[in-house]
Protein backbone atom coordinates (compact mmCIF):
# COMPACT_ATOMS: atom_id res chain seq x y z
CA MET A 1 -13.14 4.25 13.39
CA GLY A 2 -14.07 1.59 15.95
CA LYS A 3 -16.88 3.60 17.55
CA PHE A 4 -18.51 4.30 14.19
CA ILE A 5 -18.30 0.65 13.21
CA THR A 6 -19.81 -0.47 16.52
CA GLU A 7 -22.74 1.96 16.28
CA SER A 8 -23.33 1.10 12.63
CA LEU A 9 -23.43 -2.64 13.32
CA LYS A 10 -25.67 -2.38 16.40
CA GLU A 11 -28.18 -0.20 14.55
CA LYS A 12 -28.49 -2.82 11.83
CA ASP A 13 -28.24 -5.91 14.12
CA LEU A 14 -25.29 -7.17 12.12
CA ILE A 15 -22.72 -9.63 13.38
CA MET A 16 -19.67 -8.44 11.43
CA LYS A 17 -18.33 -5.70 9.20
CA LEU A 18 -15.85 -6.26 6.39
CA SER A 19 -13.71 -3.39 5.15
CA LEU A 20 -12.26 -3.91 1.69
CA PHE A 21 -9.42 -1.59 0.71
CA THR A 22 -9.25 -1.36 -3.07
CA ALA A 23 -8.44 0.84 -6.06
CA SER A 24 -10.05 1.22 -9.48
CA TRP A 25 -6.76 0.37 -11.23
CA CYS A 26 -6.27 -2.89 -9.27
CA ALA A 27 -7.37 -5.96 -11.27
CA SER A 28 -7.21 -8.29 -8.25
CA CYS A 29 -9.43 -5.87 -6.35
CA GLY A 30 -12.09 -6.09 -9.05
CA THR A 31 -12.03 -9.87 -8.95
CA LEU A 32 -12.32 -9.85 -5.16
CA LYS A 33 -15.28 -7.44 -5.31
CA GLN A 34 -17.05 -9.79 -7.75
CA SER A 35 -16.48 -12.70 -5.37
CA LEU A 36 -17.85 -10.66 -2.48
CA ASN A 37 -20.94 -9.75 -4.48
CA SER A 38 -21.63 -13.43 -5.13
CA ILE A 39 -21.45 -14.36 -1.45
CA CYS A 40 -24.82 -13.84 0.18
CA THR A 41 -24.96 -13.24 3.92
CA ASN A 42 -27.26 -10.97 5.89
CA ASP A 43 -24.95 -10.86 8.91
CA LEU A 44 -22.17 -8.95 7.16
CA GLU A 45 -21.89 -5.30 6.22
CA ILE A 46 -19.37 -4.69 3.46
CA GLU A 47 -17.56 -1.37 3.23
CA VAL A 48 -15.47 -0.71 0.10
CA LEU A 49 -12.76 1.91 0.60
CA ASP A 50 -10.78 3.46 -2.26
CA VAL A 51 -7.14 3.75 -1.21
CA ASP A 52 -6.53 6.61 -3.63
CA ALA A 53 -9.26 8.67 -1.97
CA LEU A 54 -8.14 7.82 1.56
CA GLY A 55 -4.49 8.79 1.22
CA MET A 56 -1.34 7.32 2.72
CA GLN A 57 -1.78 8.78 6.21
CA ALA A 58 -5.19 7.16 6.70
CA LEU A 59 -3.94 3.86 5.29
CA SER A 60 -0.94 3.76 7.60
CA LYS A 61 -3.24 4.40 10.58
CA VAL A 62 -5.01 1.12 9.94
CA GLY A 63 -1.88 -0.68 8.77
CA ILE A 64 -2.75 -1.15 5.10
CA LYS A 65 0.41 -1.86 3.11
CA GLY A 66 -0.99 -3.49 -0.02
CA ILE A 67 -4.22 -4.05 -1.89
CA PRO A 68 -6.60 -5.67 -1.98
CA SER A 69 -6.79 -5.82 1.81
CA LEU A 70 -9.63 -7.05 3.98
CA ILE A 71 -10.26 -6.31 7.64
CA LEU A 72 -13.05 -8.16 9.43
CA TYR A 73 -14.57 -6.54 12.54
CA ASP A 74 -16.98 -7.92 15.13
CA ASN A 75 -20.10 -6.01 16.19
CA GLN A 76 -18.09 -4.24 18.90
CA GLY A 77 -15.71 -2.73 16.34
CA ASN A 78 -12.82 -5.02 17.29
CA GLU A 79 -10.65 -6.36 14.52
CA ILE A 80 -11.07 -10.11 14.18
CA LYS A 81 -8.59 -10.70 11.38
CA ARG A 82 -7.14 -9.27 8.19
CA LYS A 83 -5.84 -10.52 4.89
CA SER A 84 -3.99 -8.90 2.00
CA GLY A 85 -3.74 -10.06 -1.57
CA ALA A 86 -5.99 -11.73 -4.09
CA LEU A 87 -8.36 -14.44 -2.85
CA THR A 88 -10.47 -16.98 -4.68
CA LYS A 89 -14.15 -17.20 -3.78
CA LYS A 90 -13.44 -20.31 -1.71
CA GLN A 91 -10.57 -18.59 0.16
CA LEU A 92 -12.86 -15.63 0.82
CA GLU A 93 -15.55 -17.93 2.21
CA VAL A 94 -12.97 -19.55 4.50
CA PHE A 95 -11.73 -16.12 5.62
CA LEU A 96 -15.31 -15.09 6.47
CA GLY A 97 -16.06 -18.42 8.19
CA LEU A 98 -18.74 -19.31 5.64
CA ASP A 99 -17.23 -22.55 4.39
CA SER A 100 -19.16 -25.70 5.21
């Protein structure tokens, strides 16, 4: 996963990649996706991953135990930080380092 993320970010000159693990039946996930859509940044690639499509084995590989879950990667594919659970728009901005 790391190599793909690194190549993807370098090709697009992005600074970070955010992976959002979600499910269609998760109300908190929908709210978080709306908050993400309202945050405008050109330095961030957002990847939305459906946990039902991924399966338990793939989720355990990356340590996902609950949803919604966010993992933030740098442009080298290294995990910077992660967060699980519902977040307000302000909390999401703080998590992404966009708060002023």
